């Protein structure tokens, strides 16, 4: 089988997780091509894998959004469209059988448009298993009050999910509706 692996190569964790999966797949004679943007994309090349650079959120944008505490500007609609178009073009070029992705939120949309199956590796706080907010009170000032900490965590989790959907994912949702 032919695998196309989309990664957020700004973080070594996202590259290394998919790299370990790719090594196992290569031992079973599967063909793997990595694609992403960031300084850690070269790590896959040192392990003998093909790679393609495609646009994604810049490190400068990530830094600015974090410093400004303004996730609203994280994924402008024009950028989302550009990322999806680059992924679709690469899918047409590589012609994979399946896509593997780690922390590249547009990859699911591109796989869906292309009619390809996708496997994603995500941090638990970005998954359906997220039950405790990213910043939990369980290990802080409410650690001795289980009922209160559970209630505060539930409420905080709901707020986090709402703002991630509203501020970060809204432009992806807009682009998906247009496609």
Foldseek 3Di string as FASTA:
>chain_A
DEEEEEEAQQDVVRVVVVLVVVVVVVVVVYAYEYEEDHDRQCVSVVVPHHYYYADDQDPVLVVVCVVVVALLPRAPLVNLVRRLVRLLVVCVVRVGQEYEYEPDVSVVLNCVVVVHHYHYDYDCLPDPNNQFHPDFCCPPDCVPPVVVSSVVRNVVSVVVVVCCCVRNVPSVVVVSVVD
